[in-house]
Amino acid sequence: MGFLHDFGLPELLIILVIIVLLFGPGRIGKVAGELGKGIRSFRDGLSGKGGEQKGDEKQPESPKDEQ
């Protein structure tokens, strides 16, 4: 796979321009944000934090007094 070593800055810039033209800057931002959330979730899963995020904690329901 020697062709991977032939990529330089000009080639990478051309690929980046093509990607921006195909998807648009707004969609690329959304995809990058979702990718970041996925990576963060994966790291949290590996470290054992699981689904313990802010706002995910459920409060136990208190029994209502019905009279």
PDB file of N, CA and C in Angstrom:
ATOM      1  N   MET A   1       0.829  -1.178   0.000  1.00  0.00           N
ATOM      2  CA  MET A   1       0.000   0.000   0.000  1.00  0.00           C
ATOM      3  C   MET A   1       0.872   1.239   0.000  1.00  0.00           C
ATOM      4  N   GLY A   2       1.767   1.312  -0.948  1.00  0.00           N
ATOM      5  CA  GLY A   2       2.675   2.432  -1.043  1.00  0.00           C
ATOM      6  C   GLY A   2       2.021   3.713  -1.530  1.00  0.00           C
ATOM      7  N   PHE A   3       0.843   3.593  -2.148  1.00  0.00           N
ATOM      8  CA  PHE A   3       0.199   4.794  -2.669  1.00  0.00           C
ATOM      9  C   PHE A   3      -0.276   5.725  -1.565  1.00  0.00           C
ATOM     10  N   LEU A   4      -0.459   5.221  -0.343  1.00  0.00           N
ATOM     11  CA  LEU A   4      -0.884   6.069   0.761  1.00  0.00           C
ATOM     12  C   LEU A   4       0.208   7.054   1.173  1.00  0.00           C
ATOM     13  N   HIS A   5       1.449   6.727   0.905  1.00  0.00           N
ATOM     14  CA  HIS A   5       2.553   7.608   1.272  1.00  0.00           C
ATOM     15  C   HIS A   5       2.708   8.761   0.287  1.00  0.00           C
ATOM     16  N   ASP A   6       2.019   8.708  -0.837  1.00  0.00           N
ATOM     17  CA  ASP A   6       2.148   9.740  -1.858  1.00  0.00           C
ATOM     18  C   ASP A   6       1.226  10.928  -1.621  1.00  0.00           C
ATOM     19  N   PHE A   7       0.359  10.876  -0.615  1.00  0.00           N
ATOM     20  CA  PHE A   7      -0.538  11.989  -0.341  1.00  0.00           C
ATOM     21  C   PHE A   7       0.223  13.115   0.340  1.00  0.00           C
ATOM     22  N   GLY A   8       0.084  14.297  -0.225  1.00  0.00           N
ATOM     23  CA  GLY A   8       0.693  15.472   0.375  1.00  0.00           C
ATOM     24  C   GLY A   8      -0.382  16.478   0.721  1.00  0.00           C
ATOM     25  N   LEU A   9       0.024  17.653   1.098  1.00  0.00           N
ATOM     26  CA  LEU A   9      -0.915  18.703   1.462  1.00  0.00           C
ATOM     27  C   LEU A   9      -1.822  19.102   0.297  1.00  0.00           C
ATOM     28  N   PRO A  10      -1.310  19.289  -0.914  1.00  0.00           N
ATOM     29  CA  PRO A  10      -2.207  19.667  -2.021  1.00  0.00           C
ATOM     30  C   PRO A  10      -3.292  18.621  -2.290  1.00  0.00           C
ATOM     31  N   GLU A  11      -2.943  17.348  -2.217  1.00  0.00           N
ATOM     32  CA  GLU A  11      -3.928  16.300  -2.458  1.00  0.00           C
ATOM     33  C   GLU A  11      -5.000  16.281  -1.374  1.00  0.00           C
ATOM     34  N   LEU A  12      -4.575  16.460  -0.124  1.00  0.00           N
ATOM     35  CA  LEU A  12      -5.534  16.484   0.973  1.00  0.00           C
ATOM     36  C   LEU A  12      -6.472  17.683   0.878  1.00  0.00           C
ATOM     37  N   LEU A  13      -5.958  18.825   0.464  1.00  0.00           N
ATOM     38  CA  LEU A  13      -6.801  20.009   0.287  1.00  0.00           C
ATOM     39  C   LEU A  13      -7.823  19.801  -0.824  1.00  0.00           C
ATOM     40  N   ILE A  14      -7.418  19.163  -1.908  1.00  0.00           N
ATOM     41  CA  ILE A  14      -8.354  18.889  -3.001  1.00  0.00           C
ATOM     42  C   ILE A  14      -9.465  17.960  -2.528  1.00  0.00           C
ATOM     43  N   ILE A  15      -9.111  16.935  -1.765  1.00  0.00           N
ATOM     44  CA  ILE A  15     -10.116  16.012  -1.235  1.00  0.00           C
ATOM     45  C   ILE A  15     -11.069  16.739  -0.290  1.00  0.00           C
ATOM     46  N   LEU A  16     -10.541  17.622   0.542  1.00  0.00           N
ATOM     47  CA  LEU A  16     -11.366  18.395   1.470  1.00  0.00           C
ATOM     48  C   LEU A  16     -12.340  19.295   0.717  1.00  0.00           C
ATOM     49  N   VAL A  17     -11.883  19.949  -0.334  1.00  0.00           N
ATOM     50  CA  VAL A  17     -12.756  20.820  -1.130  1.00  0.00           C
ATOM     51  C   VAL A  17     -13.871  20.005  -1.775  1.00  0.00           C
ATOM     52  N   ILE A  18     -13.547  18.828  -2.290  1.00  0.00           N
ATOM     53  CA  ILE A  18     -14.563  17.975  -2.911  1.00  0.00           C
ATOM     54  C   ILE A  18     -15.606  17.551  -1.887  1.00  0.00           C
ATOM     55  N   ILE A  19     -15.165  17.201  -0.679  1.00  0.00           N
ATOM     56  CA  ILE A  19     -16.102  16.799   0.375  1.00  0.00           C
ATOM     57  C   ILE A  19     -17.019  17.955   0.748  1.00  0.00           C
ATOM     58  N   VAL A  20     -16.472  19.157   0.873  1.00  0.00           N
ATOM     59  CA  VAL A  20     -17.289  20.328   1.215  1.00  0.00           C
ATOM     60  C   VAL A  20     -18.298  20.614   0.107  1.00  0.00           C
ATOM     61  N   LEU A  21     -17.892  20.474  -1.138  1.00  0.00           N
ATOM     62  CA  LEU A  21     -18.815  20.708  -2.248  1.00  0.00           C
ATOM     63  C   LEU A  21     -19.937  19.665  -2.280  1.00  0.00           C
ATOM     64  N   LEU A  22     -19.626  18.437  -1.942  1.00  0.00           N
ATOM     65  CA  LEU A  22     -20.636  17.386  -1.974  1.00  0.00           C
ATOM     66  C   LEU A  22     -21.634  17.501  -0.827  1.00  0.00           C
ATOM     67  N   PHE A  23     -21.159  17.747   0.377  1.00  0.00           N
ATOM     68  CA  PHE A  23     -22.022  17.715   1.548  1.00  0.00           C
ATOM     69  C   PHE A  23     -22.417  19.089   2.067  1.00  0.00           C
ATOM     70  N   GLY A  24     -21.637  20.094   1.827  1.00  0.00           N
ATOM     71  CA  GLY A  24     -21.917  21.414   2.363  1.00  0.00           C
ATOM     72  C   GLY A  24     -21.365  21.566   3.765  1.00  0.00           C
ATOM     73  N   PRO A  25     -21.016  22.775   4.140  1.00  0.00           N
ATOM     74  CA  PRO A  25     -20.390  22.988   5.449  1.00  0.00           C
ATOM     75  C   PRO A  25     -21.321  22.693   6.625  1.00  0.00           C
ATOM     76  N   GLY A  26     -22.621  22.903   6.473  1.00  0.00           N
ATOM     77  CA  GLY A  26     -23.546  22.649   7.577  1.00  0.00           C
ATOM     78  C   GLY A  26     -23.642  21.182   7.918  1.00  0.00           C
ATOM     79  N   ARG A  27     -23.752  20.375   6.890  1.00  0.00           N
ATOM     80  CA  ARG A  27     -23.885  18.932   7.130  1.00  0.00           C
ATOM     81  C   ARG A  27     -22.585  18.340   7.663  1.00  0.00           C
ATOM     82  N   ILE A  28     -21.460  18.845   7.211  1.00  0.00           N
ATOM     83  CA  ILE A  28     -20.173  18.358   7.716  1.00  0.00           C
ATOM     84  C   ILE A  28     -20.058  18.659   9.210  1.00  0.00           C
ATOM     85  N   GLY A  29     -20.540  19.822   9.630  1.00  0.00           N
ATOM     86  CA  GLY A  29     -20.524  20.162  11.051  1.00  0.00           C
ATOM     87  C   GLY A  29     -21.383  19.223  11.873  1.00  0.00           C
ATOM     88  N   LYS A  30     -22.565  18.878  11.333  1.00  0.00           N
ATOM     89  CA  LYS A  30     -23.435  17.942  12.046  1.00  0.00           C
ATOM     90  C   LYS A  30     -22.794  16.567  12.157  1.00  0.00           C
ATOM     91  N   VAL A  31     -22.202  16.112  11.056  1.00  0.00           N
ATOM     92  CA  VAL A  31     -21.564  14.797  11.059  1.00  0.00           C
ATOM     93  C   VAL A  31     -20.387  14.781  12.036  1.00  0.00           C
ATOM     94  N   ALA A  32     -19.604  15.848  12.045  1.00  0.00           N
ATOM     95  CA  ALA A  32     -18.465  15.918  12.963  1.00  0.00           C
ATOM     96  C   ALA A  32     -18.939  15.932  14.417  1.00  0.00           C
ATOM     97  N   GLY A  33     -20.025  16.642  14.692  1.00  0.00           N
ATOM     98  CA  GLY A  33     -20.571  16.663  16.047  1.00  0.00           C
ATOM     99  C   GLY A  33     -21.055  15.296  16.488  1.00  0.00           C
ATOM    100  N   GLU A  34     -21.757  14.596  15.594  1.00  0.00           N
ATOM    101  CA  GLU A  34     -22.230  13.253  15.915  1.00  0.00           C
ATOM    102  C   GLU A  34     -21.068  12.285  16.091  1.00  0.00           C
ATOM    103  N   LEU A  35     -20.032  12.450  15.288  1.00  0.00           N
ATOM    104  CA  LEU A  35     -18.849  11.607  15.423  1.00  0.00           C
ATOM    105  C   LEU A  35     -18.188  11.840  16.779  1.00  0.00           C
ATOM    106  N   GLY A  36     -18.102  13.099  17.198  1.00  0.00           N
ATOM    107  CA  GLY A  36     -17.534  13.418  18.511  1.00  0.00           C
ATOM    108  C   GLY A  36     -18.338  12.823  19.648  1.00  0.00           C
ATOM    109  N   LYS A  37     -19.681  12.888  19.539  1.00  0.00           N
ATOM    110  CA  LYS A  37     -20.535  12.298  20.565  1.00  0.00           C
ATOM    111  C   LYS A  37     -20.352  10.790  20.614  1.00  0.00           C
ATOM    112  N   GLY A  38     -20.222  10.170  19.449  1.00  0.00           N
ATOM    113  CA  GLY A  38     -20.021   8.727  19.399  1.00  0.00           C
ATOM    114  C   GLY A  38     -18.706   8.313  20.029  1.00  0.00           C
ATOM    115  N   ILE A  39     -17.653   9.066  19.733  1.00  0.00           N
ATOM    116  CA  ILE A  39     -16.340   8.759  20.310  1.00  0.00           C
ATOM    117  C   ILE A  39     -16.372   8.949  21.825  1.00  0.00           C
ATOM    118  N   ARG A  40     -17.025  10.018  22.278  1.00  0.00           N
ATOM    119  CA  ARG A  40     -17.130  10.271  23.725  1.00  0.00           C
ATOM    120  C   ARG A  40     -17.909   9.147  24.409  1.00  0.00           C
ATOM    121  N   SER A  41     -18.995   8.709  23.783  1.00  0.00           N
ATOM    122  CA  SER A  41     -19.788   7.626  24.340  1.00  0.00           C
ATOM    123  C   SER A  41     -18.979   6.331  24.392  1.00  0.00           C
ATOM    124  N   PHE A  42     -18.198   6.071  23.350  1.00  0.00           N
ATOM    125  CA  PHE A  42     -17.355   4.879  23.310  1.00  0.00           C
ATOM    126  C   PHE A  42     -16.322   4.912  24.422  1.00  0.00           C
ATOM    127  N   ARG A  43     -15.685   6.058  24.627  1.00  0.00           N
ATOM    128  CA  ARG A  43     -14.682   6.181  25.688  1.00  0.00           C
ATOM    129  C   ARG A  43     -15.315   6.014  27.056  1.00  0.00           C
ATOM    130  N   ASP A  44     -16.500   6.609  27.240  1.00  0.00           N
ATOM    131  CA  ASP A  44     -17.197   6.453  28.515  1.00  0.00           C
ATOM    132  C   ASP A  44     -17.549   4.996  28.761  1.00  0.00           C
ATOM    133  N   GLY A  45     -17.933   4.292  27.715  1.00  0.00           N
ATOM    134  CA  GLY A  45     -18.250   2.877  27.853  1.00  0.00           C
ATOM    135  C   GLY A  45     -17.036   2.056  28.233  1.00  0.00           C
ATOM    136  N   LEU A  46     -15.894   2.397  27.669  1.00  0.00           N
ATOM    137  CA  LEU A  46     -14.670   1.667  28.006  1.00  0.00           C
ATOM    138  C   LEU A  46     -14.220   1.934  29.433  1.00  0.00           C
ATOM    139  N   SER A  47     -14.435   3.155  29.896  1.00  0.00           N
ATOM    140  CA  SER A  47     -13.985   3.494  31.245  1.00  0.00           C
ATOM    141  C   SER A  47     -14.983   3.074  32.320  1.00  0.00           C
ATOM    142  N   GLY A  48     -16.131   2.566  31.908  1.00  0.00           N
ATOM    143  CA  GLY A  48     -17.106   2.070  32.865  1.00  0.00           C
ATOM    144  C   GLY A  48     -18.142   3.081  33.281  1.00  0.00           C
ATOM    145  N   LYS A  49     -18.148   4.239  32.685  1.00  0.00           N
ATOM    146  CA  LYS A  49     -19.143   5.241  33.044  1.00  0.00           C
ATOM    147  C   LYS A  49     -20.511   4.898  32.472  1.00  0.00           C
ATOM    148  N   GLY A  50     -20.542   4.163  31.392  1.00  0.00           N
ATOM    149  CA  GLY A  50     -21.809   3.718  30.809  1.00  0.00           C
ATOM    150  C   GLY A  50     -22.720   4.866  30.468  1.00  0.00           C
ATOM    151  N   GLY A  51     -23.947   4.800  30.935  1.00  0.00           N
ATOM    152  CA  GLY A  51     -24.938   5.828  30.623  1.00  0.00           C
ATOM    153  C   GLY A  51     -25.080   6.862  31.707  1.00  0.00           C
ATOM    154  N   GLU A  52     -24.081   7.021  32.536  1.00  0.00           N
ATOM    155  CA  GLU A  52     -24.160   7.967  33.639  1.00  0.00           C
ATOM    156  C   GLU A  52     -23.772   9.360  33.158  1.00  0.00           C
ATOM    157  N   GLN A  53     -24.695  10.008  32.478  1.00  0.00           N
ATOM    158  CA  GLN A  53     -24.453  11.365  32.012  1.00  0.00           C
ATOM    159  C   GLN A  53     -25.376  12.300  32.771  1.00  0.00           C
ATOM    160  N   LYS A  54     -25.088  13.561  32.690  1.00  0.00           N
ATOM    161  CA  LYS A  54     -25.926  14.542  33.357  1.00  0.00           C
ATOM    162  C   LYS A  54     -27.323  14.483  32.758  1.00  0.00           C
ATOM    163  N   GLY A  55     -28.317  14.465  33.617  1.00  0.00           N
ATOM    164  CA  GLY A  55     -29.692  14.450  33.162  1.00  0.00           C
ATOM    165  C   GLY A  55     -30.231  13.044  32.950  1.00  0.00           C
ATOM    166  N   ASP A  56     -29.392  12.038  32.946  1.00  0.00           N
ATOM    167  CA  ASP A  56     -29.851  10.673  32.761  1.00  0.00           C
ATOM    168  C   ASP A  56     -30.278  10.028  34.078  1.00  0.00           C
ATOM    169  N   GLU A  57     -29.970  10.681  35.180  1.00  0.00           N
ATOM    170  CA  GLU A  57     -30.282  10.113  36.478  1.00  0.00           C
ATOM    171  C   GLU A  57     -31.776  10.244  36.720  1.00  0.00           C
ATOM    172  N   LYS A  58     -32.397   9.129  37.058  1.00  0.00           N
ATOM    173  CA  LYS A  58     -33.834   9.135  37.306  1.00  0.00           C
ATOM    174  C   LYS A  58     -34.077   9.237  38.798  1.00  0.00           C
ATOM    175  N   GLN A  59     -34.972  10.108  39.162  1.00  0.00           N
ATOM    176  CA  GLN A  59     -35.348  10.269  40.549  1.00  0.00           C
ATOM    177  C   GLN A  59     -36.392   9.215  40.890  1.00  0.00           C
ATOM    178  N   PRO A  60     -36.258   8.563  42.038  1.00  0.00           N
ATOM    179  CA  PRO A  60     -37.290   7.599  42.414  1.00  0.00           C
ATOM    180  C   PRO A  60     -38.610   8.321  42.642  1.00  0.00           C
ATOM    181  N   GLU A  61     -39.669   7.683  42.197  1.00  0.00           N
ATOM    182  CA  GLU A  61     -40.989   8.309  42.345  1.00  0.00           C
ATOM    183  C   GLU A  61     -41.447   8.179  43.790  1.00  0.00           C
ATOM    184  N   SER A  62     -41.900   9.268  44.335  1.00  0.00           N
ATOM    185  CA  SER A  62     -42.414   9.232  45.698  1.00  0.00           C
ATOM    186  C   SER A  62     -43.884   8.878  45.639  1.00  0.00           C
ATOM    187  N   PRO A  63     -44.330   8.059  46.581  1.00  0.00           N
ATOM    188  CA  PRO A  63     -45.768   7.692  46.567  1.00  0.00           C
ATOM    189  C   PRO A  63     -46.628   8.911  46.884  1.00  0.00           C
ATOM    190  N   LYS A  64     -47.675   9.058  46.120  1.00  0.00           N
ATOM    191  CA  LYS A  64     -48.581  10.187  46.331  1.00  0.00           C
ATOM    192  C   LYS A  64     -49.637   9.803  47.351  1.00  0.00           C
ATOM    193  N   ASP A  65     -49.910  10.724  48.244  1.00  0.00           N
ATOM    194  CA  ASP A  65     -50.944  10.490  49.254  1.00  0.00           C
ATOM    195  C   ASP A  65     -52.301  10.776  48.639  1.00  0.00           C
ATOM    196  N   GLU A  66     -53.076   9.726  48.492  1.00  0.00           N
ATOM    197  CA  GLU A  66     -54.425   9.902  47.947  1.00  0.00           C
ATOM    198  C   GLU A  66     -55.417   9.771  49.092  1.00  0.00           C
ATOM    199  N   GLN A  67     -56.230  10.767  49.278  1.00  0.00           N
ATOM    200  CA  GLN A  67     -57.222  10.720  50.357  1.00  0.00           C
ATOM    201  C   GLN A  67     -58.588  10.951  49.827  1.00  0.00           C
TER     202      GLN A  67
END
